[in-house]
Amino acid sequence: MSQKERIYLSIPIKGCEDWSLRESNKAQLHYENLGFEVYNPNNLLAEYRKILQYEPSEFQKLTFTLSYLSRSDIMVLFPEYPRSFRCAIEKALAYKLKKPTIQVYGGKTLPLKSNYQDILESVCNPAEMFLFSSFKVN
Protein backbone atom coordinates (compact mmCIF):
# COMPACT_ATOMS: atom_id res chain seq x y z
CA MET A 1 0.00 0.00 0.00
CA SER A 2 1.41 3.40 -0.96
CA GLN A 3 1.66 6.30 1.45
CA LYS A 4 -0.85 9.14 1.08
CA GLU A 5 0.36 12.52 -0.09
CA ARG A 6 0.28 14.99 2.82
CA ILE A 7 -1.17 18.49 2.57
CA TYR A 8 -0.41 21.32 5.01
CA LEU A 9 -3.00 24.11 5.26
CA SER A 10 -1.35 27.53 5.55
CA ILE A 11 -4.23 29.46 7.09
CA PRO A 12 -4.49 32.16 9.78
CA ILE A 13 -4.77 30.79 13.31
CA LYS A 14 -5.12 34.11 15.12
CA GLY A 15 -7.31 37.14 14.55
CA CYS A 16 -10.03 35.48 12.46
CA GLU A 17 -10.70 32.29 14.40
CA ASP A 18 -14.30 31.63 13.29
CA TRP A 19 -13.49 32.02 9.60
CA SER A 20 -10.23 30.09 9.94
CA LEU A 21 -11.79 27.14 11.77
CA ARG A 22 -14.67 26.91 9.31
CA GLU A 23 -12.49 27.22 6.18
CA SER A 24 -9.69 24.93 7.43
CA ASN A 25 -12.19 22.22 8.40
CA LYS A 26 -13.93 22.56 5.01
CA ALA A 27 -10.58 22.31 3.19
CA GLN A 28 -9.47 19.39 5.36
CA LEU A 29 -12.63 17.43 4.55
CA HIS A 30 -12.34 18.31 0.85
CA TYR A 31 -8.76 17.06 0.53
CA GLU A 32 -9.30 14.02 2.76
CA ASN A 33 -12.20 13.00 0.53
CA LEU A 34 -9.76 13.13 -2.40
CA GLY A 35 -7.39 10.77 -0.58
CA PHE A 36 -4.87 13.14 0.99
CA GLU A 37 -3.65 13.19 4.58
CA VAL A 38 -4.23 16.77 5.82
CA TYR A 39 -2.30 18.75 8.43
CA ASN A 40 -4.70 21.40 9.71
CA PRO A 41 -2.84 23.81 12.06
CA ASN A 42 -6.04 24.71 13.91
CA ASN A 43 -6.64 21.08 14.86
CA LEU A 44 -2.95 20.36 15.43
CA LEU A 45 -2.65 23.26 17.88
CA ALA A 46 -5.78 22.16 19.76
CA GLU A 47 -4.15 18.75 20.30
CA TYR A 48 -0.84 20.41 21.23
CA ARG A 49 -2.58 22.47 23.92
CA LYS A 50 -4.07 19.28 25.39
CA ILE A 51 -0.65 17.63 25.53
CA LEU A 52 1.06 20.66 27.08
CA GLN A 53 -1.89 21.51 29.37
CA TYR A 54 -1.17 25.21 28.93
CA GLU A 55 -1.29 27.81 26.17
CA PRO A 56 1.92 27.55 24.09
CA SER A 57 3.90 30.66 23.25
CA GLU A 58 3.79 32.04 19.70
CA PHE A 59 7.27 30.60 19.13
CA GLN A 60 6.12 27.15 20.29
CA LYS A 61 3.06 27.32 18.03
CA LEU A 62 5.17 28.36 15.05
CA THR A 63 7.84 25.69 15.49
CA PHE A 64 5.21 23.03 16.12
CA THR A 65 3.23 23.82 12.96
CA LEU A 66 6.39 24.27 10.86
CA SER A 67 7.42 20.74 11.78
CA TYR A 68 4.22 19.52 10.08
CA LEU A 69 4.81 21.74 7.07
CA SER A 70 8.28 20.21 6.69
CA ARG A 71 6.71 16.71 6.66
CA SER A 72 4.06 17.64 4.11
CA ASP A 73 4.22 17.10 0.35
CA ILE A 74 2.04 20.06 -0.68
CA MET A 75 1.13 23.37 0.97
CA VAL A 76 -2.33 24.90 0.53
CA LEU A 77 -1.98 28.68 0.87
CA PHE A 78 -4.90 30.81 2.03
CA PRO A 79 -3.70 34.34 1.13
CA GLU A 80 -6.44 36.14 3.07
CA TYR A 81 -3.82 36.94 5.71
CA PRO A 82 -0.75 37.43 3.48
CA ARG A 83 1.26 39.90 5.56
CA SER A 84 1.38 37.89 8.77
CA PHE A 85 4.78 36.84 10.06
CA ARG A 86 3.65 33.19 10.33
CA CYS A 87 2.44 33.11 6.73
CA ALA A 88 5.70 34.68 5.51
CA ILE A 89 7.70 32.04 7.38
CA GLU A 90 5.53 29.22 5.99
CA LYS A 91 5.93 30.51 2.43
CA ALA A 92 9.69 30.86 2.92
CA LEU A 93 9.99 27.33 4.31
CA ALA A 94 7.85 25.91 1.50
CA TYR A 95 10.10 27.67 -0.99
CA LYS A 96 13.28 26.48 0.73
CA LEU A 97 12.01 22.88 0.84
CA LYS A 98 10.62 23.11 -2.72
CA LYS A 99 7.07 22.29 -1.58
CA PRO A 100 4.53 22.70 -4.38
CA THR A 101 1.64 24.98 -3.43
CA ILE A 102 -2.08 25.15 -4.10
CA GLN A 103 -3.38 28.72 -3.81
CA VAL A 104 -6.82 29.31 -2.30
CA TYR A 105 -8.65 32.57 -2.96
CA GLY A 106 -11.73 34.17 -1.46
CA GLY A 107 -12.55 31.33 0.92
CA LYS A 108 -12.93 28.80 -1.87
CA THR A 109 -11.18 25.45 -1.78
CA LEU A 110 -9.32 25.43 -5.08
CA PRO A 111 -8.83 23.71 -7.32
CA LEU A 112 -12.28 22.16 -7.33
CA LYS A 113 -11.09 19.14 -9.26
CA SER A 114 -12.76 15.78 -9.13
CA ASN A 115 -9.82 13.55 -8.33
CA TYR A 116 -6.48 13.16 -6.63
CA GLN A 117 -4.40 13.23 -9.82
CA ASP A 118 -5.99 16.50 -10.98
CA ILE A 119 -4.93 18.12 -7.69
CA LEU A 120 -1.35 16.89 -8.08
CA GLU A 121 -1.24 18.22 -11.64
CA SER A 122 -2.56 21.64 -10.64
CA VAL A 123 -0.05 22.62 -7.95
CA CYS A 124 2.06 25.73 -8.45
CA ASN A 125 5.79 25.82 -8.71
CA PRO A 126 7.14 27.03 -5.33
CA ALA A 127 9.24 29.67 -7.10
CA GLU A 128 6.05 31.20 -8.58
CA MET A 129 4.36 31.16 -5.19
CA PHE A 130 7.35 32.84 -3.57
CA LEU A 131 6.86 35.97 -5.67
CA PHE A 132 3.98 36.90 -3.35
CA SER A 133 6.31 37.27 -0.36
CA SER A 134 9.01 39.79 0.40
CA PHE A 135 10.54 37.42 2.95
CA LYS A 136 13.98 36.24 1.85
CA VAL A 137 15.60 32.89 2.49
CA ASN A 138 19.38 32.39 2.50
C-alpha atoms as a PDB file:
ATOM      1  CA  MET A   1       0.000   0.000   0.000  1.00  0.00           C
ATOM      2  CA  SER A   2       1.407   3.401  -0.965  1.00  0.00           C
ATOM      3  CA  GLN A   3       1.664   6.299   1.446  1.00  0.00           C
ATOM      4  CA  LYS A   4      -0.849   9.136   1.077  1.00  0.00           C
ATOM      5  CA  GLU A   5       0.358  12.518  -0.092  1.00  0.00           C
ATOM      6  CA  ARG A   6       0.282  14.994   2.823  1.00  0.00           C
ATOM      7  CA  ILE A   7      -1.174  18.489   2.574  1.00  0.00           C
ATOM      8  CA  TYR A   8      -0.410  21.318   5.014  1.00  0.00           C
ATOM      9  CA  LEU A   9      -3.003  24.106   5.262  1.00  0.00           C
ATOM     10  CA  SER A  10      -1.349  27.532   5.551  1.00  0.00           C
ATOM     11  CA  ILE A  11      -4.233  29.460   7.089  1.00  0.00           C
ATOM     12  CA  PRO A  12      -4.489  32.159   9.779  1.00  0.00           C
ATOM     13  CA  ILE A  13      -4.775  30.790  13.309  1.00  0.00           C
ATOM     14  CA  LYS A  14      -5.119  34.109  15.116  1.00  0.00           C
ATOM     15  CA  GLY A  15      -7.310  37.140  14.550  1.00  0.00           C
ATOM     16  CA  CYS A  16     -10.029  35.481  12.456  1.00  0.00           C
ATOM     17  CA  GLU A  17     -10.701  32.294  14.397  1.00  0.00           C
ATOM     18  CA  ASP A  18     -14.299  31.627  13.288  1.00  0.00           C
ATOM     19  CA  TRP A  19     -13.490  32.024   9.601  1.00  0.00           C
ATOM     20  CA  SER A  20     -10.229  30.087   9.937  1.00  0.00           C
ATOM     21  CA  LEU A  21     -11.787  27.143  11.768  1.00  0.00           C
ATOM     22  CA  ARG A  22     -14.667  26.906   9.306  1.00  0.00           C
ATOM     23  CA  GLU A  23     -12.486  27.215   6.183  1.00  0.00           C
ATOM     24  CA  SER A  24      -9.695  24.933   7.426  1.00  0.00           C
ATOM     25  CA  ASN A  25     -12.194  22.221   8.397  1.00  0.00           C
ATOM     26  CA  LYS A  26     -13.928  22.561   5.013  1.00  0.00           C
ATOM     27  CA  ALA A  27     -10.579  22.315   3.195  1.00  0.00           C
ATOM     28  CA  GLN A  28      -9.468  19.386   5.364  1.00  0.00           C
ATOM     29  CA  LEU A  29     -12.629  17.429   4.548  1.00  0.00           C
ATOM     30  CA  HIS A  30     -12.340  18.308   0.850  1.00  0.00           C
ATOM     31  CA  TYR A  31      -8.762  17.060   0.531  1.00  0.00           C
ATOM     32  CA  GLU A  32      -9.300  14.016   2.762  1.00  0.00           C
ATOM     33  CA  ASN A  33     -12.199  12.995   0.525  1.00  0.00           C
ATOM     34  CA  LEU A  34      -9.761  13.131  -2.400  1.00  0.00           C
ATOM     35  CA  GLY A  35      -7.389  10.771  -0.584  1.00  0.00           C
ATOM     36  CA  PHE A  36      -4.866  13.136   0.989  1.00  0.00           C
ATOM     37  CA  GLU A  37      -3.649  13.193   4.580  1.00  0.00           C
ATOM     38  CA  VAL A  38      -4.227  16.772   5.820  1.00  0.00           C
ATOM     39  CA  TYR A  39      -2.296  18.748   8.431  1.00  0.00           C
ATOM     40  CA  ASN A  40      -4.703  21.404   9.714  1.00  0.00           C
ATOM     41  CA  PRO A  41      -2.842  23.806  12.064  1.00  0.00           C
ATOM     42  CA  ASN A  42      -6.044  24.714  13.915  1.00  0.00           C
ATOM     43  CA  ASN A  43      -6.643  21.081  14.864  1.00  0.00           C
ATOM     44  CA  LEU A  44      -2.946  20.356  15.432  1.00  0.00           C
ATOM     45  CA  LEU A  45      -2.650  23.256  17.882  1.00  0.00           C
ATOM     46  CA  ALA A  46      -5.781  22.161  19.757  1.00  0.00           C
ATOM     47  CA  GLU A  47      -4.153  18.753  20.303  1.00  0.00           C
ATOM     48  CA  TYR A  48      -0.842  20.408  21.227  1.00  0.00           C
ATOM     49  CA  ARG A  49      -2.581  22.473  23.923  1.00  0.00           C
ATOM     50  CA  LYS A  50      -4.070  19.285  25.390  1.00  0.00           C
ATOM     51  CA  ILE A  51      -0.650  17.633  25.528  1.00  0.00           C
ATOM     52  CA  LEU A  52       1.058  20.660  27.084  1.00  0.00           C
ATOM     53  CA  GLN A  53      -1.893  21.512  29.371  1.00  0.00           C
ATOM     54  CA  TYR A  54      -1.166  25.214  28.932  1.00  0.00           C
ATOM     55  CA  GLU A  55      -1.290  27.815  26.169  1.00  0.00           C
ATOM     56  CA  PRO A  56       1.918  27.546  24.094  1.00  0.00           C
ATOM     57  CA  SER A  57       3.901  30.662  23.247  1.00  0.00           C
ATOM     58  CA  GLU A  58       3.786  32.039  19.699  1.00  0.00           C
ATOM     59  CA  PHE A  59       7.268  30.597  19.131  1.00  0.00           C
ATOM     60  CA  GLN A  60       6.118  27.145  20.287  1.00  0.00           C
ATOM     61  CA  LYS A  61       3.057  27.317  18.026  1.00  0.00           C
ATOM     62  CA  LEU A  62       5.173  28.361  15.053  1.00  0.00           C
ATOM     63  CA  THR A  63       7.841  25.693  15.493  1.00  0.00           C
ATOM     64  CA  PHE A  64       5.207  23.026  16.116  1.00  0.00           C
ATOM     65  CA  THR A  65       3.228  23.823  12.960  1.00  0.00           C
ATOM     66  CA  LEU A  66       6.388  24.272  10.860  1.00  0.00           C
ATOM     67  CA  SER A  67       7.416  20.736  11.779  1.00  0.00           C
ATOM     68  CA  TYR A  68       4.219  19.518  10.082  1.00  0.00           C
ATOM     69  CA  LEU A  69       4.810  21.741   7.069  1.00  0.00           C
ATOM     70  CA  SER A  70       8.276  20.213   6.693  1.00  0.00           C
ATOM     71  CA  ARG A  71       6.709  16.711   6.659  1.00  0.00           C
ATOM     72  CA  SER A  72       4.064  17.644   4.105  1.00  0.00           C
ATOM     73  CA  ASP A  73       4.218  17.104   0.355  1.00  0.00           C
ATOM     74  CA  ILE A  74       2.041  20.062  -0.685  1.00  0.00           C
ATOM     75  CA  MET A  75       1.127  23.375   0.966  1.00  0.00           C
ATOM     76  CA  VAL A  76      -2.327  24.896   0.527  1.00  0.00           C
ATOM     77  CA  LEU A  77      -1.976  28.678   0.867  1.00  0.00           C
ATOM     78  CA  PHE A  78      -4.898  30.806   2.033  1.00  0.00           C
ATOM     79  CA  PRO A  79      -3.699  34.342   1.129  1.00  0.00           C
ATOM     80  CA  GLU A  80      -6.440  36.144   3.068  1.00  0.00           C
ATOM     81  CA  TYR A  81      -3.818  36.937   5.710  1.00  0.00           C
ATOM     82  CA  PRO A  82      -0.753  37.429   3.484  1.00  0.00           C
ATOM     83  CA  ARG A  83       1.261  39.895   5.560  1.00  0.00           C
ATOM     84  CA  SER A  84       1.380  37.886   8.766  1.00  0.00           C
ATOM     85  CA  PHE A  85       4.777  36.837  10.063  1.00  0.00           C
ATOM     86  CA  ARG A  86       3.654  33.189  10.332  1.00  0.00           C
ATOM     87  CA  CYS A  87       2.439  33.109   6.733  1.00  0.00           C
ATOM     88  CA  ALA A  88       5.696  34.682   5.509  1.00  0.00           C
ATOM     89  CA  ILE A  89       7.699  32.044   7.380  1.00  0.00           C
ATOM     90  CA  GLU A  90       5.530  29.220   5.993  1.00  0.00           C
ATOM     91  CA  LYS A  91       5.932  30.513   2.432  1.00  0.00           C
ATOM     92  CA  ALA A  92       9.688  30.861   2.919  1.00  0.00           C
ATOM     93  CA  LEU A  93       9.989  27.332   4.313  1.00  0.00           C
ATOM     94  CA  ALA A  94       7.845  25.905   1.498  1.00  0.00           C
ATOM     95  CA  TYR A  95      10.101  27.674  -0.989  1.00  0.00           C
ATOM     96  CA  LYS A  96      13.277  26.480   0.732  1.00  0.00           C
ATOM     97  CA  LEU A  97      12.012  22.877   0.845  1.00  0.00           C
ATOM     98  CA  LYS A  98      10.616  23.111  -2.718  1.00  0.00           C
ATOM     99  CA  LYS A  99       7.068  22.293  -1.582  1.00  0.00           C
ATOM    100  CA  PRO A 100       4.526  22.703  -4.379  1.00  0.00           C
ATOM    101  CA  THR A 101       1.641  24.980  -3.427  1.00  0.00           C
ATOM    102  CA  ILE A 102      -2.079  25.151  -4.101  1.00  0.00           C
ATOM    103  CA  GLN A 103      -3.382  28.716  -3.806  1.00  0.00           C
ATOM    104  CA  VAL A 104      -6.817  29.306  -2.302  1.00  0.00           C
ATOM    105  CA  TYR A 105      -8.654  32.569  -2.960  1.00  0.00           C
ATOM    106  CA  GLY A 106     -11.735  34.174  -1.459  1.00  0.00           C
ATOM    107  CA  GLY A 107     -12.547  31.334   0.921  1.00  0.00           C
ATOM    108  CA  LYS A 108     -12.934  28.800  -1.867  1.00  0.00           C
ATOM    109  CA  THR A 109     -11.178  25.449  -1.782  1.00  0.00           C
ATOM    110  CA  LEU A 110      -9.321  25.426  -5.079  1.00  0.00           C
ATOM    111  CA  PRO A 111      -8.829  23.706  -7.323  1.00  0.00           C
ATOM    112  CA  LEU A 112     -12.279  22.156  -7.328  1.00  0.00           C
ATOM    113  CA  LYS A 113     -11.085  19.138  -9.255  1.00  0.00           C
ATOM    114  CA  SER A 114     -12.758  15.782  -9.133  1.00  0.00           C
ATOM    115  CA  ASN A 115      -9.818  13.550  -8.334  1.00  0.00           C
ATOM    116  CA  TYR A 116      -6.479  13.155  -6.626  1.00  0.00           C
ATOM    117  CA  GLN A 117      -4.403  13.230  -9.817  1.00  0.00           C
ATOM    118  CA  ASP A 118      -5.990  16.502 -10.980  1.00  0.00           C
ATOM    119  CA  ILE A 119      -4.932  18.119  -7.685  1.00  0.00           C
ATOM    120  CA  LEU A 120      -1.355  16.890  -8.080  1.00  0.00           C
ATOM    121  CA  GLU A 121      -1.235  18.217 -11.644  1.00  0.00           C
ATOM    122  CA  SER A 122      -2.556  21.644 -10.644  1.00  0.00           C
ATOM    123  CA  VAL A 123      -0.048  22.620  -7.948  1.00  0.00           C
ATOM    124  CA  CYS A 124       2.057  25.734  -8.454  1.00  0.00           C
ATOM    125  CA  ASN A 125       5.791  25.818  -8.710  1.00  0.00           C
ATOM    126  CA  PRO A 126       7.139  27.027  -5.328  1.00  0.00           C
ATOM    127  CA  ALA A 127       9.240  29.671  -7.101  1.00  0.00           C
ATOM    128  CA  GLU A 128       6.053  31.197  -8.585  1.00  0.00           C
ATOM    129  CA  MET A 129       4.358  31.158  -5.194  1.00  0.00           C
ATOM    130  CA  PHE A 130       7.351  32.836  -3.573  1.00  0.00           C
ATOM    131  CA  LEU A 131       6.857  35.966  -5.675  1.00  0.00           C
ATOM    132  CA  PHE A 132       3.976  36.902  -3.352  1.00  0.00           C
ATOM    133  CA  SER A 133       6.309  37.267  -0.362  1.00  0.00           C
ATOM    134  CA  SER A 134       9.015  39.786   0.395  1.00  0.00           C
ATOM    135  CA  PHE A 135      10.539  37.415   2.951  1.00  0.00           C
ATOM    136  CA  LYS A 136      13.981  36.245   1.852  1.00  0.00           C
ATOM    137  CA  VAL A 137      15.605  32.886   2.493  1.00  0.00           C
ATOM    138  CA  ASN A 138      19.377  32.391   2.499  1.00  0.00           C
END
